[in-house]
Amino acid sequence: MRVRVVKTEQDGGSIIWSLTMGREYEVIGIEADWYRIVDDRADPILFDPACFDVVDPSLPSFWRCDVGDEGERYCYPVEWNKPGFFEAYHDGVAEVRERFWGDYRCLYHCDARRTSG
C-alpha cells in the first residue's frame, strides 16, 4: 500500500514534521486504522490516514489483517503482529529493533515477497 502526504496536521492538531509534503511512502502496517510508515528519520511511526491520499490500495499478501471490537482495522506482517512489538521497538529493545529492520529489508525490498493481495 502506498500513500502520498497531502496535509501535515494530524487528528488532535499535532504537526507532521518527519514526512515530506507530496512524497509517496510505503505503508508497512495499519493499527487502529492509522498508517505505520517509516518516516524521513527512519522510524516506524503511526500517522493519521486523513493526511494522505492512497496511491496504491493493494495490501501485501504477507499481511495478516484483523478487525477490532469497534470495526477498526489492524494489518501487519505476521512477524510484527504481536502485542507490544512496536512499543518494545520504541523502548529501544535491541532484539526487537534488529528483528524489525531485518524483516523490513526482506519484506519490503525483496521483490519475491512484494506480491499484492
N, C-alpha and C. Protein backbone atom coordinates (compact mmCIF):
# COMPACT_ATOMS: atom_id res chain seq x y z
N MET A 1 0.86 -1.17 0.00
CA MET A 1 0.00 0.00 0.00
C MET A 1 0.90 1.23 0.00
N ARG A 2 0.60 2.15 -0.90
CA ARG A 2 1.39 3.38 -0.99
C ARG A 2 0.46 4.58 -0.82
N VAL A 3 1.00 5.60 -0.13
CA VAL A 3 0.24 6.83 0.12
C VAL A 3 1.11 8.04 -0.18
N ARG A 4 0.45 9.19 -0.40
CA ARG A 4 1.13 10.46 -0.63
C ARG A 4 0.67 11.45 0.43
N VAL A 5 1.62 12.18 1.03
CA VAL A 5 1.31 13.17 2.05
C VAL A 5 0.62 14.36 1.37
N VAL A 6 -0.60 14.70 1.89
CA VAL A 6 -1.35 15.83 1.34
C VAL A 6 -1.65 16.90 2.38
N LYS A 7 -1.43 16.59 3.66
CA LYS A 7 -1.58 17.60 4.71
C LYS A 7 -0.68 17.22 5.87
N THR A 8 -0.30 18.20 6.65
CA THR A 8 0.70 17.95 7.69
C THR A 8 0.18 18.14 9.10
N GLU A 9 -1.14 18.20 9.27
CA GLU A 9 -1.70 18.30 10.62
C GLU A 9 -2.56 17.06 10.88
N GLN A 10 -2.19 16.32 11.92
CA GLN A 10 -2.90 15.11 12.27
C GLN A 10 -4.11 15.41 13.16
N ASP A 11 -4.95 14.39 13.32
CA ASP A 11 -6.07 14.48 14.25
C ASP A 11 -5.52 14.89 15.61
N GLY A 12 -6.15 15.88 16.23
CA GLY A 12 -5.68 16.37 17.51
C GLY A 12 -4.75 17.56 17.38
N GLY A 13 -4.41 17.94 16.15
CA GLY A 13 -3.62 19.14 15.92
C GLY A 13 -2.12 18.97 15.87
N SER A 14 -1.60 17.76 16.11
CA SER A 14 -0.14 17.61 16.06
C SER A 14 0.34 17.75 14.62
N ILE A 15 1.49 18.34 14.46
CA ILE A 15 2.07 18.60 13.14
C ILE A 15 3.01 17.46 12.76
N ILE A 16 2.89 17.02 11.53
CA ILE A 16 3.81 16.02 10.99
C ILE A 16 5.04 16.77 10.48
N TRP A 17 6.16 16.54 11.10
CA TRP A 17 7.39 17.19 10.67
C TRP A 17 8.40 16.18 10.15
N SER A 18 8.08 14.89 10.26
CA SER A 18 9.05 13.86 9.86
C SER A 18 8.70 13.20 8.53
N LEU A 19 7.74 13.77 7.80
CA LEU A 19 7.41 13.32 6.45
C LEU A 19 7.47 14.53 5.52
N THR A 20 7.68 14.27 4.25
CA THR A 20 7.81 15.33 3.26
C THR A 20 6.50 15.49 2.50
N MET A 21 5.95 16.70 2.50
CA MET A 21 4.72 17.01 1.79
C MET A 21 4.86 16.62 0.32
N GLY A 22 3.86 15.88 -0.18
CA GLY A 22 3.84 15.47 -1.58
C GLY A 22 4.58 14.19 -1.88
N ARG A 23 5.39 13.71 -0.95
CA ARG A 23 6.17 12.48 -1.17
C ARG A 23 5.30 11.25 -0.95
N GLU A 24 5.62 10.19 -1.69
CA GLU A 24 4.94 8.90 -1.51
C GLU A 24 5.72 8.05 -0.51
N TYR A 25 4.95 7.28 0.29
CA TYR A 25 5.53 6.38 1.29
C TYR A 25 4.84 5.04 1.22
N GLU A 26 5.58 4.00 1.58
CA GLU A 26 5.03 2.66 1.72
C GLU A 26 4.42 2.55 3.11
N VAL A 27 3.17 2.09 3.18
CA VAL A 27 2.55 1.80 4.47
C VAL A 27 3.01 0.40 4.86
N ILE A 28 3.61 0.29 6.05
CA ILE A 28 4.15 -1.01 6.48
C ILE A 28 3.23 -1.70 7.47
N GLY A 29 2.12 -1.05 7.82
CA GLY A 29 1.14 -1.64 8.71
C GLY A 29 0.01 -0.68 8.97
N ILE A 30 -1.09 -1.21 9.47
CA ILE A 30 -2.24 -0.40 9.85
C ILE A 30 -2.59 -0.79 11.28
N GLU A 31 -2.73 0.21 12.14
CA GLU A 31 -3.03 -0.04 13.55
C GLU A 31 -4.16 0.90 13.98
N ALA A 32 -5.30 0.29 14.31
CA ALA A 32 -6.49 1.06 14.67
C ALA A 32 -6.79 2.10 13.58
N ASP A 33 -6.65 1.68 12.34
CA ASP A 33 -6.90 2.47 11.13
C ASP A 33 -5.83 3.51 10.82
N TRP A 34 -4.85 3.72 11.70
CA TRP A 34 -3.75 4.65 11.41
C TRP A 34 -2.67 3.90 10.64
N TYR A 35 -1.94 4.63 9.79
CA TYR A 35 -0.90 4.04 8.94
C TYR A 35 0.45 4.08 9.65
N ARG A 36 1.13 2.93 9.66
CA ARG A 36 2.51 2.92 10.15
C ARG A 36 3.42 3.05 8.93
N ILE A 37 4.29 4.05 8.98
CA ILE A 37 5.18 4.39 7.88
C ILE A 37 6.57 4.62 8.44
N VAL A 38 7.58 4.18 7.69
CA VAL A 38 8.95 4.53 8.06
C VAL A 38 9.16 5.96 7.57
N ASP A 39 9.31 6.87 8.52
CA ASP A 39 9.39 8.31 8.19
C ASP A 39 10.78 8.70 7.71
N ASP A 40 10.96 10.00 7.47
CA ASP A 40 12.22 10.50 6.94
C ASP A 40 13.39 10.35 7.92
N ARG A 41 13.11 10.07 9.19
CA ARG A 41 14.16 9.83 10.19
C ARG A 41 14.44 8.35 10.36
N ALA A 42 13.78 7.51 9.54
CA ALA A 42 13.91 6.05 9.60
C ALA A 42 13.32 5.49 10.89
N ASP A 43 12.17 6.02 11.29
CA ASP A 43 11.41 5.49 12.42
C ASP A 43 10.05 4.99 11.93
N PRO A 44 9.62 3.81 12.38
CA PRO A 44 8.30 3.30 12.01
C PRO A 44 7.23 3.91 12.92
N ILE A 45 6.57 4.96 12.43
CA ILE A 45 5.66 5.77 13.23
C ILE A 45 4.23 5.64 12.70
N LEU A 46 3.25 5.81 13.60
CA LEU A 46 1.84 5.85 13.20
C LEU A 46 1.44 7.26 12.80
N PHE A 47 0.67 7.34 11.69
CA PHE A 47 0.19 8.62 11.19
C PHE A 47 -1.30 8.53 10.88
N ASP A 48 -1.98 9.65 11.04
CA ASP A 48 -3.40 9.79 10.75
C ASP A 48 -3.63 9.61 9.24
N PRO A 49 -4.49 8.67 8.85
CA PRO A 49 -4.73 8.45 7.42
C PRO A 49 -5.33 9.66 6.70
N ALA A 50 -5.93 10.59 7.44
CA ALA A 50 -6.51 11.78 6.83
C ALA A 50 -5.44 12.68 6.21
N CYS A 51 -4.17 12.43 6.52
CA CYS A 51 -3.08 13.24 6.00
C CYS A 51 -2.56 12.74 4.65
N PHE A 52 -3.19 11.70 4.10
CA PHE A 52 -2.67 11.05 2.90
C PHE A 52 -3.75 10.81 1.86
N ASP A 53 -3.31 10.77 0.60
CA ASP A 53 -4.10 10.20 -0.48
C ASP A 53 -3.51 8.82 -0.73
N VAL A 54 -4.37 7.84 -0.93
CA VAL A 54 -3.89 6.49 -1.24
C VAL A 54 -3.54 6.44 -2.72
N VAL A 55 -2.30 6.10 -3.01
CA VAL A 55 -1.81 6.00 -4.37
C VAL A 55 -2.02 4.58 -4.90
N ASP A 56 -1.77 3.60 -4.05
CA ASP A 56 -1.96 2.19 -4.40
C ASP A 56 -2.57 1.49 -3.19
N PRO A 57 -3.84 1.06 -3.28
CA PRO A 57 -4.51 0.46 -2.12
C PRO A 57 -4.18 -1.03 -1.90
N SER A 58 -3.37 -1.62 -2.77
CA SER A 58 -3.06 -3.05 -2.66
C SER A 58 -2.37 -3.35 -1.34
N LEU A 59 -2.89 -4.35 -0.64
CA LEU A 59 -2.27 -4.79 0.61
C LEU A 59 -1.33 -5.95 0.31
N PRO A 60 -0.16 -5.95 0.91
CA PRO A 60 0.78 -7.06 0.69
C PRO A 60 0.17 -8.39 1.11
N SER A 61 0.47 -9.43 0.37
CA SER A 61 -0.07 -10.76 0.67
C SER A 61 0.46 -11.31 1.99
N PHE A 62 1.57 -10.78 2.49
CA PHE A 62 2.16 -11.28 3.73
C PHE A 62 1.60 -10.58 4.97
N TRP A 63 0.64 -9.67 4.80
CA TRP A 63 0.00 -9.04 5.95
C TRP A 63 -1.08 -9.94 6.51
N ARG A 64 -1.25 -9.88 7.80
CA ARG A 64 -2.39 -10.50 8.47
C ARG A 64 -3.28 -9.36 8.94
N CYS A 65 -4.55 -9.39 8.55
CA CYS A 65 -5.48 -8.31 8.91
C CYS A 65 -6.56 -8.82 9.85
N ASP A 66 -6.87 -8.01 10.84
CA ASP A 66 -7.93 -8.29 11.81
C ASP A 66 -8.76 -7.03 11.98
N VAL A 67 -9.97 -7.22 12.50
CA VAL A 67 -10.85 -6.09 12.78
C VAL A 67 -11.10 -6.07 14.28
N GLY A 68 -10.94 -4.89 14.89
CA GLY A 68 -11.14 -4.75 16.33
C GLY A 68 -12.61 -4.68 16.70
N ASP A 69 -12.86 -4.57 17.99
CA ASP A 69 -14.23 -4.55 18.52
C ASP A 69 -15.08 -3.40 18.00
N GLU A 70 -14.44 -2.31 17.63
CA GLU A 70 -15.17 -1.14 17.13
C GLU A 70 -15.06 -0.98 15.62
N GLY A 71 -14.66 -2.04 14.94
CA GLY A 71 -14.57 -2.03 13.49
C GLY A 71 -13.27 -1.48 12.94
N GLU A 72 -12.31 -1.16 13.81
CA GLU A 72 -11.03 -0.62 13.36
C GLU A 72 -10.17 -1.75 12.79
N ARG A 73 -9.34 -1.40 11.85
CA ARG A 73 -8.53 -2.38 11.14
C ARG A 73 -7.10 -2.42 11.68
N TYR A 74 -6.57 -3.63 11.79
CA TYR A 74 -5.19 -3.89 12.19
C TYR A 74 -4.58 -4.82 11.14
N CYS A 75 -3.53 -4.38 10.48
CA CYS A 75 -2.87 -5.19 9.46
C CYS A 75 -1.37 -5.03 9.61
N TYR A 76 -0.69 -6.15 9.73
CA TYR A 76 0.76 -6.15 9.84
C TYR A 76 1.31 -7.43 9.25
N PRO A 77 2.59 -7.42 8.88
CA PRO A 77 3.24 -8.69 8.59
C PRO A 77 3.13 -9.58 9.84
N VAL A 78 2.97 -10.85 9.63
CA VAL A 78 2.81 -11.79 10.75
C VAL A 78 3.93 -11.63 11.77
N GLU A 79 5.14 -11.36 11.29
CA GLU A 79 6.30 -11.23 12.16
C GLU A 79 6.14 -10.11 13.19
N TRP A 80 5.35 -9.09 12.89
CA TRP A 80 5.20 -7.92 13.77
C TRP A 80 3.84 -7.87 14.44
N ASN A 81 2.97 -8.81 14.12
CA ASN A 81 1.59 -8.77 14.60
C ASN A 81 1.49 -9.40 15.99
N LYS A 82 2.23 -8.79 16.92
CA LYS A 82 2.27 -9.29 18.30
C LYS A 82 2.05 -8.11 19.24
N PRO A 83 1.25 -8.29 20.28
CA PRO A 83 1.06 -7.18 21.24
C PRO A 83 2.40 -6.71 21.79
N GLY A 84 2.61 -5.40 21.76
CA GLY A 84 3.81 -4.82 22.34
C GLY A 84 5.02 -4.77 21.44
N PHE A 85 4.92 -5.28 20.21
CA PHE A 85 6.09 -5.31 19.32
C PHE A 85 6.65 -3.91 19.10
N PHE A 86 5.81 -2.97 18.65
CA PHE A 86 6.32 -1.64 18.36
C PHE A 86 6.59 -0.82 19.62
N GLU A 87 5.93 -1.13 20.70
CA GLU A 87 6.27 -0.48 21.97
C GLU A 87 7.70 -0.86 22.37
N ALA A 88 8.03 -2.16 22.21
CA ALA A 88 9.38 -2.61 22.52
C ALA A 88 10.39 -1.97 21.56
N TYR A 89 10.02 -1.85 20.30
CA TYR A 89 10.90 -1.19 19.33
C TYR A 89 11.22 0.23 19.81
N HIS A 90 10.18 0.99 20.14
CA HIS A 90 10.38 2.39 20.55
C HIS A 90 10.99 2.52 21.94
N ASP A 91 10.94 1.46 22.74
CA ASP A 91 11.64 1.44 24.03
C ASP A 91 13.12 1.09 23.87
N GLY A 92 13.52 0.78 22.63
CA GLY A 92 14.94 0.52 22.35
C GLY A 92 15.39 -0.90 22.58
N VAL A 93 14.47 -1.86 22.62
CA VAL A 93 14.85 -3.26 22.82
C VAL A 93 15.62 -3.74 21.58
N ALA A 94 16.89 -4.03 21.78
CA ALA A 94 17.80 -4.32 20.67
C ALA A 94 17.32 -5.49 19.80
N GLU A 95 16.87 -6.57 20.42
CA GLU A 95 16.44 -7.74 19.65
C GLU A 95 15.25 -7.40 18.75
N VAL A 96 14.33 -6.59 19.27
CA VAL A 96 13.14 -6.21 18.50
C VAL A 96 13.53 -5.29 17.35
N ARG A 97 14.41 -4.36 17.63
CA ARG A 97 14.87 -3.45 16.56
C ARG A 97 15.58 -4.22 15.46
N GLU A 98 16.43 -5.16 15.83
CA GLU A 98 17.13 -5.99 14.84
C GLU A 98 16.14 -6.81 14.03
N ARG A 99 15.17 -7.38 14.71
CA ARG A 99 14.13 -8.17 14.03
C ARG A 99 13.36 -7.30 13.04
N PHE A 100 12.94 -6.11 13.50
CA PHE A 100 12.18 -5.21 12.62
C PHE A 100 12.96 -4.89 11.36
N TRP A 101 14.20 -4.42 11.51
CA TRP A 101 14.95 -3.98 10.33
C TRP A 101 15.31 -5.13 9.42
N GLY A 102 15.59 -6.30 9.96
CA GLY A 102 15.83 -7.47 9.12
C GLY A 102 14.58 -7.85 8.33
N ASP A 103 13.45 -7.90 9.03
CA ASP A 103 12.18 -8.21 8.36
C ASP A 103 11.83 -7.14 7.34
N TYR A 104 11.99 -5.88 7.72
CA TYR A 104 11.65 -4.77 6.82
C TYR A 104 12.43 -4.86 5.52
N ARG A 105 13.72 -5.08 5.62
CA ARG A 105 14.54 -5.18 4.40
C ARG A 105 14.05 -6.33 3.52
N CYS A 106 13.75 -7.45 4.12
CA CYS A 106 13.31 -8.60 3.33
C CYS A 106 11.88 -8.42 2.79
N LEU A 107 10.97 -8.02 3.66
CA LEU A 107 9.57 -7.93 3.26
C LEU A 107 9.28 -6.81 2.26
N TYR A 108 9.93 -5.69 2.43
CA TYR A 108 9.60 -4.53 1.60
C TYR A 108 10.63 -4.23 0.52
N HIS A 109 11.73 -4.96 0.50
CA HIS A 109 12.74 -4.68 -0.52
C HIS A 109 13.17 -5.92 -1.28
N CYS A 110 12.60 -7.07 -0.98
CA CYS A 110 12.86 -8.29 -1.73
C CYS A 110 11.67 -8.51 -2.66
N ASP A 111 11.86 -8.38 -3.95
CA ASP A 111 10.75 -8.45 -4.91
C ASP A 111 9.94 -9.73 -4.80
N ALA A 112 10.55 -10.82 -4.37
CA ALA A 112 9.84 -12.08 -4.28
C ALA A 112 8.68 -12.04 -3.29
N ARG A 113 8.78 -11.20 -2.24
CA ARG A 113 7.75 -11.15 -1.21
C ARG A 113 6.72 -10.03 -1.44
N ARG A 114 6.96 -9.14 -2.41
CA ARG A 114 6.12 -7.95 -2.59
C ARG A 114 4.91 -8.20 -3.48
N THR A 115 4.25 -9.31 -3.34
CA THR A 115 3.06 -9.56 -4.13
C THR A 115 1.85 -9.01 -3.41
N SER A 116 0.95 -8.42 -4.13
CA SER A 116 -0.24 -7.80 -3.54
C SER A 116 -1.34 -8.83 -3.39
N GLY A 117 -2.17 -8.58 -2.38
CA GLY A 117 -3.28 -9.48 -2.12
C GLY A 117 -4.57 -8.73 -2.02
